[in-house]
PDB file of N, CA and C in Angstrom:
ATOM      1  N   MET A   1       0.848  -1.175   0.000  1.00  0.00           N
ATOM      2  CA  MET A   1       0.000   0.000   0.000  1.00  0.00           C
ATOM      3  C   MET A   1       0.891   1.235   0.000  1.00  0.00           C
ATOM      4  N   THR A   2       0.428   2.270  -0.644  1.00  0.00           N
ATOM      5  CA  THR A   2       1.179   3.518  -0.738  1.00  0.00           C
ATOM      6  C   THR A   2       1.222   4.235   0.607  1.00  0.00           C
ATOM      7  N   LYS A   3       2.231   5.040   0.790  1.00  0.00           N
ATOM      8  CA  LYS A   3       2.355   5.773   2.053  1.00  0.00           C
ATOM      9  C   LYS A   3       1.732   7.159   1.977  1.00  0.00           C
ATOM     10  N   ASP A   4       1.309   7.570   0.779  1.00  0.00           N
ATOM     11  CA  ASP A   4       0.691   8.876   0.593  1.00  0.00           C
ATOM     12  C   ASP A   4      -0.735   8.847   1.149  1.00  0.00           C
ATOM     13  N   PRO A   5      -1.029   9.602   2.216  1.00  0.00           N
ATOM     14  CA  PRO A   5      -2.361   9.536   2.838  1.00  0.00           C
ATOM     15  C   PRO A   5      -3.490  10.017   1.939  1.00  0.00           C
ATOM     16  N   SER A   6      -3.193  10.821   0.927  1.00  0.00           N
ATOM     17  CA  SER A   6      -4.266  11.293   0.055  1.00  0.00           C
ATOM     18  C   SER A   6      -4.752  10.197  -0.887  1.00  0.00           C
ATOM     19  N   LYS A   7      -4.016   9.103  -1.005  1.00  0.00           N
ATOM     20  CA  LYS A   7      -4.399   8.011  -1.894  1.00  0.00           C
ATOM     21  C   LYS A   7      -4.975   6.828  -1.132  1.00  0.00           C
ATOM     22  N   ILE A   8      -5.225   6.989   0.159  1.00  0.00           N
ATOM     23  CA  ILE A   8      -5.777   5.925   0.982  1.00  0.00           C
ATOM     24  C   ILE A   8      -7.174   6.330   1.451  1.00  0.00           C
ATOM     25  N   LYS A   9      -8.138   5.434   1.252  1.00  0.00           N
ATOM     26  CA  LYS A   9      -9.519   5.683   1.670  1.00  0.00           C
ATOM     27  C   LYS A   9      -9.982   4.544   2.563  1.00  0.00           C
ATOM     28  N   ARG A  10     -11.064   4.777   3.292  1.00  0.00           N
ATOM     29  CA  ARG A  10     -11.657   3.754   4.142  1.00  0.00           C
ATOM     30  C   ARG A  10     -12.879   3.197   3.426  1.00  0.00           C
ATOM     31  N   CYS A  11     -12.949   1.888   3.316  1.00  0.00           N
ATOM     32  CA  CYS A  11     -14.092   1.235   2.682  1.00  0.00           C
ATOM     33  C   CYS A  11     -15.312   1.396   3.597  1.00  0.00           C
ATOM     34  N   PRO A  12     -16.441   1.897   3.086  1.00  0.00           N
ATOM     35  CA  PRO A  12     -17.623   2.081   3.943  1.00  0.00           C
ATOM     36  C   PRO A  12     -18.285   0.769   4.357  1.00  0.00           C
ATOM     37  N   GLU A  13     -18.009  -0.309   3.650  1.00  0.00           N
ATOM     38  CA  GLU A  13     -18.608  -1.604   3.965  1.00  0.00           C
ATOM     39  C   GLU A  13     -17.877  -2.321   5.093  1.00  0.00           C
ATOM     40  N   CYS A  14     -16.536  -2.431   4.965  1.00  0.00           N
ATOM     41  CA  CYS A  14     -15.776  -3.228   5.936  1.00  0.00           C
ATOM     42  C   CYS A  14     -14.852  -2.381   6.813  1.00  0.00           C
ATOM     43  N   ARG A  15     -14.757  -1.104   6.531  1.00  0.00           N
ATOM     44  CA  ARG A  15     -13.964  -0.153   7.315  1.00  0.00           C
ATOM     45  C   ARG A  15     -12.449  -0.365   7.230  1.00  0.00           C
ATOM     46  N   ARG A  16     -11.984  -1.146   6.240  1.00  0.00           N
ATOM     47  CA  ARG A  16     -10.546  -1.316   6.061  1.00  0.00           C
ATOM     48  C   ARG A  16      -9.971  -0.156   5.261  1.00  0.00           C
ATOM     49  N   LEU A  17      -8.691   0.137   5.458  1.00  0.00           N
ATOM     50  CA  LEU A  17      -8.009   1.145   4.669  1.00  0.00           C
ATOM     51  C   LEU A  17      -7.501   0.502   3.383  1.00  0.00           C
ATOM     52  N   VAL A  18      -7.859   1.095   2.234  1.00  0.00           N
ATOM     53  CA  VAL A  18      -7.448   0.574   0.932  1.00  0.00           C
ATOM     54  C   VAL A  18      -7.006   1.731   0.051  1.00  0.00           C
ATOM     55  N   GLU A  19      -6.264   1.414  -1.004  1.00  0.00           N
ATOM     56  CA  GLU A  19      -5.865   2.450  -1.950  1.00  0.00           C
ATOM     57  C   GLU A  19      -7.090   2.913  -2.725  1.00  0.00           C
ATOM     58  N   ALA A  20      -7.188   4.211  -2.927  1.00  0.00           N
ATOM     59  CA  ALA A  20      -8.351   4.784  -3.595  1.00  0.00           C
ATOM     60  C   ALA A  20      -8.482   4.278  -5.026  1.00  0.00           C
ATOM     61  N   ALA A  21      -7.371   3.998  -5.686  1.00  0.00           N
ATOM     62  CA  ALA A  21      -7.411   3.548  -7.078  1.00  0.00           C
ATOM     63  C   ALA A  21      -8.030   2.156  -7.218  1.00  0.00           C
ATOM     64  N   THR A  22      -8.065   1.370  -6.149  1.00  0.00           N
ATOM     65  CA  THR A  22      -8.612   0.014  -6.237  1.00  0.00           C
ATOM     66  C   THR A  22     -10.090  -0.046  -5.890  1.00  0.00           C
ATOM     67  N   MET A  23     -10.677   1.045  -5.417  1.00  0.00           N
ATOM     68  CA  MET A  23     -12.082   1.031  -5.010  1.00  0.00           C
ATOM     69  C   MET A  23     -12.981   0.972  -6.239  1.00  0.00           C
ATOM     70  N   ARG A  24     -14.098   0.213  -6.122  1.00  0.00           N
ATOM     71  CA  ARG A  24     -15.019  -0.008  -7.224  1.00  0.00           C
ATOM     72  C   ARG A  24     -16.382   0.594  -6.897  1.00  0.00           C
ATOM     73  N   PRO A  25     -17.131   1.075  -7.893  1.00  0.00           N
ATOM     74  CA  PRO A  25     -18.456   1.656  -7.633  1.00  0.00           C
ATOM     75  C   PRO A  25     -19.496   0.586  -7.326  1.00  0.00           C
ATOM     76  N   LEU A  26     -20.213   0.765  -6.223  1.00  0.00           N
ATOM     77  CA  LEU A  26     -21.264  -0.179  -5.848  1.00  0.00           C
ATOM     78  C   LEU A  26     -22.621   0.285  -6.347  1.00  0.00           C
ATOM     79  N   SER A  27     -23.008   1.489  -5.964  1.00  0.00           N
ATOM     80  CA  SER A  27     -24.331   1.979  -6.332  1.00  0.00           C
ATOM     81  C   SER A  27     -24.386   3.482  -6.109  1.00  0.00           C
ATOM     82  N   ARG A  28     -25.462   4.061  -6.587  1.00  0.00           N
ATOM     83  CA  ARG A  28     -25.688   5.479  -6.310  1.00  0.00           C
ATOM     84  C   ARG A  28     -26.171   5.614  -4.876  1.00  0.00           C
ATOM     85  N   THR A  29     -25.877   6.753  -4.263  1.00  0.00           N
ATOM     86  CA  THR A  29     -26.344   6.969  -2.899  1.00  0.00           C
ATOM     87  C   THR A  29     -27.851   7.157  -2.901  1.00  0.00           C
ATOM     88  N   ARG A  30     -28.467   6.976  -1.771  1.00  0.00           N
ATOM     89  CA  ARG A  30     -29.926   7.009  -1.670  1.00  0.00           C
ATOM     90  C   ARG A  30     -30.506   8.352  -2.089  1.00  0.00           C
ATOM     91  N   PHE A  31     -29.845   9.439  -1.772  1.00  0.00           N
ATOM     92  CA  PHE A  31     -30.382  10.767  -2.031  1.00  0.00           C
ATOM     93  C   PHE A  31     -29.812  11.397  -3.289  1.00  0.00           C
ATOM     94  N   GLY A  32     -29.198  10.604  -4.174  1.00  0.00           N
ATOM     95  CA  GLY A  32     -28.708  11.109  -5.449  1.00  0.00           C
ATOM     96  C   GLY A  32     -27.475  11.968  -5.347  1.00  0.00           C
ATOM     97  N   GLY A  33     -26.705  11.839  -4.290  1.00  0.00           N
ATOM     98  CA  GLY A  33     -25.539  12.694  -4.092  1.00  0.00           C
ATOM     99  C   GLY A  33     -24.243  12.136  -4.620  1.00  0.00           C
ATOM    100  N   GLY A  34     -24.276  11.142  -5.479  1.00  0.00           N
ATOM    101  CA  GLY A  34     -23.047  10.592  -6.017  1.00  0.00           C
ATOM    102  C   GLY A  34     -23.057   9.078  -6.049  1.00  0.00           C
ATOM    103  N   VAL A  35     -21.864   8.519  -6.076  1.00  0.00           N
ATOM    104  CA  VAL A  35     -21.708   7.077  -6.185  1.00  0.00           C
ATOM    105  C   VAL A  35     -21.005   6.560  -4.941  1.00  0.00           C
ATOM    106  N   ARG A  36     -21.446   5.407  -4.432  1.00  0.00           N
ATOM    107  CA  ARG A  36     -20.831   4.787  -3.266  1.00  0.00           C
ATOM    108  C   ARG A  36     -19.775   3.803  -3.746  1.00  0.00           C
ATOM    109  N   PHE A  37     -18.575   3.879  -3.194  1.00  0.00           N
ATOM    110  CA  PHE A  37     -17.469   3.014  -3.588  1.00  0.00           C
ATOM    111  C   PHE A  37     -17.145   2.036  -2.475  1.00  0.00           C
ATOM    112  N   ALA A  38     -16.552   0.884  -2.853  1.00  0.00           N
ATOM    113  CA  ALA A  38     -16.152  -0.130  -1.883  1.00  0.00           C
ATOM    114  C   ALA A  38     -14.856  -0.786  -2.348  1.00  0.00           C
ATOM    115  N   CYS A  39     -14.195  -1.458  -1.422  1.00  0.00           N
ATOM    116  CA  CYS A  39     -12.953  -2.155  -1.761  1.00  0.00           C
ATOM    117  C   CYS A  39     -13.278  -3.353  -2.659  1.00  0.00           C
ATOM    118  N   PRO A  40     -12.289  -3.908  -3.347  1.00  0.00           N
ATOM    119  CA  PRO A  40     -12.554  -5.038  -4.260  1.00  0.00           C
ATOM    120  C   PRO A  40     -13.199  -6.250  -3.588  1.00  0.00           C
ATOM    121  N   ASP A  41     -12.839  -6.547  -2.346  1.00  0.00           N
ATOM    122  CA  ASP A  41     -13.430  -7.694  -1.652  1.00  0.00           C
ATOM    123  C   ASP A  41     -14.917  -7.477  -1.398  1.00  0.00           C
ATOM    124  N   CYS A  42     -15.275  -6.309  -0.919  1.00  0.00           N
ATOM    125  CA  CYS A  42     -16.688  -6.001  -0.658  1.00  0.00           C
ATOM    126  C   CYS A  42     -17.471  -5.915  -1.957  1.00  0.00           C
ATOM    127  N   PHE A  43     -16.851  -5.378  -2.994  1.00  0.00           N
ATOM    128  CA  PHE A  43     -17.502  -5.281  -4.298  1.00  0.00           C
ATOM    129  C   PHE A  43     -17.873  -6.675  -4.805  1.00  0.00           C
ATOM    130  N   LYS A  44     -16.923  -7.607  -4.710  1.00  0.00           N
ATOM    131  CA  LYS A  44     -17.168  -8.970  -5.170  1.00  0.00           C
ATOM    132  C   LYS A  44     -18.273  -9.630  -4.346  1.00  0.00           C
ATOM    133  N   ARG A  45     -18.258  -9.431  -3.023  1.00  0.00           N
ATOM    134  CA  ARG A  45     -19.269 -10.023  -2.154  1.00  0.00           C
ATOM    135  C   ARG A  45     -20.662  -9.491  -2.486  1.00  0.00           C
ATOM    136  N   VAL A  46     -20.787  -8.177  -2.673  1.00  0.00           N
ATOM    137  CA  VAL A  46     -22.090  -7.574  -2.968  1.00  0.00           C
ATOM    138  C   VAL A  46     -22.593  -8.021  -4.338  1.00  0.00           C
ATOM    139  N   MET A  47     -21.708  -8.121  -5.329  1.00  0.00           N
ATOM    140  CA  MET A  47     -22.130  -8.554  -6.659  1.00  0.00           C
ATOM    141  C   MET A  47     -22.606 -10.013  -6.631  1.00  0.00           C
ATOM    142  N   MET A  48     -21.952 -10.854  -5.850  1.00  0.00           N
ATOM    143  CA  MET A  48     -22.396 -12.247  -5.728  1.00  0.00           C
ATOM    144  C   MET A  48     -23.766 -12.321  -5.053  1.00  0.00           C
ATOM    145  N   LEU A  49     -24.007 -11.481  -4.046  1.00  0.00           N
ATOM    146  CA  LEU A  49     -25.314 -11.452  -3.387  1.00  0.00           C
ATOM    147  C   LEU A  49     -26.402 -10.970  -4.340  1.00  0.00           C
ATOM    148  N   ARG A  50     -26.087 -10.007  -5.175  1.00  0.00           N
ATOM    149  CA  ARG A  50     -27.074  -9.507  -6.137  1.00  0.00           C
ATOM    150  C   ARG A  50     -27.428 -10.564  -7.159  1.00  0.00           C
ATOM    151  N   LYS A  51     -26.448 -11.361  -7.590  1.00  0.00           N
ATOM    152  CA  LYS A  51     -26.724 -12.422  -8.559  1.00  0.00           C
ATOM    153  C   LYS A  51     -27.533 -13.547  -7.923  1.00  0.00           C
ATOM    154  N   ALA A  52     -27.309 -13.813  -6.645  1.00  0.00           N
ATOM    155  CA  ALA A  52     -27.992 -14.915  -5.965  1.00  0.00           C
ATOM    156  C   ALA A  52     -29.466 -14.613  -5.731  1.00  0.00           C
ATOM    157  N   THR A  53     -29.812 -13.338  -5.524  1.00  0.00           N
ATOM    158  CA  THR A  53     -31.198 -12.972  -5.232  1.00  0.00           C
ATOM    159  C   THR A  53     -31.646 -11.832  -6.135  1.00  0.00           C
ATOM    160  N   PRO A  54     -31.875 -12.101  -7.420  1.00  0.00           N
ATOM    161  CA  PRO A  54     -32.229 -11.012  -8.330  1.00  0.00           C
ATOM    162  C   PRO A  54     -33.601 -10.403  -8.065  1.00  0.00           C
ATOM    163  N   GLY A  55     -34.582 -11.163  -7.584  1.00  0.00           N
ATOM    164  CA  GLY A  55     -35.917 -10.635  -7.373  1.00  0.00           C
ATOM    165  C   GLY A  55     -36.145 -10.129  -5.958  1.00  0.00           C
ATOM    166  N   ALA A  56     -35.182 -10.289  -5.078  1.00  0.00           N
ATOM    167  CA  ALA A  56     -35.378  -9.927  -3.679  1.00  0.00           C
ATOM    168  C   ALA A  56     -35.188  -8.444  -3.429  1.00  0.00           C
ATOM    169  N   ARG A  57     -34.474  -7.765  -4.313  1.00  0.00           N
ATOM    170  CA  ARG A  57     -34.216  -6.342  -4.093  1.00  0.00           C
ATOM    171  C   ARG A  57     -35.412  -5.508  -4.525  1.00  0.00           C
ATOM    172  N   SER A  58     -35.651  -4.466  -3.813  1.00  0.00           N
ATOM    173  CA  SER A  58     -36.734  -3.546  -4.141  1.00  0.00           C
ATOM    174  C   SER A  58     -36.276  -2.590  -5.232  1.00  0.00           C
ATOM    175  N   THR A  59     -37.158  -2.217  -6.158  1.00  0.00           N
ATOM    176  CA  THR A  59     -36.805  -1.315  -7.252  1.00  0.00           C
ATOM    177  C   THR A  59     -37.310   0.095  -7.005  1.00  0.00           C
ATOM    178  N   LYS A  60     -37.694   0.413  -5.790  1.00  0.00           N
ATOM    179  CA  LYS A  60     -38.226   1.743  -5.478  1.00  0.00           C
ATOM    180  C   LYS A  60     -37.120   2.765  -5.451  1.00  0.00           C
TER     181      LYS A  60
END
């Protein structure tokens, strides 16, 4: 991991410190204020959950 603090972010899902360049977009925020990002591990976990339950999510 880089030592430059401006390139390190905290993943909102798992709270680990990761490099900002490796973070992936998960979804738009609830109030339309941008995009929520997560580390690669959390991104993979959430995408697998979405594939497993396609009809369970609400479309509101």
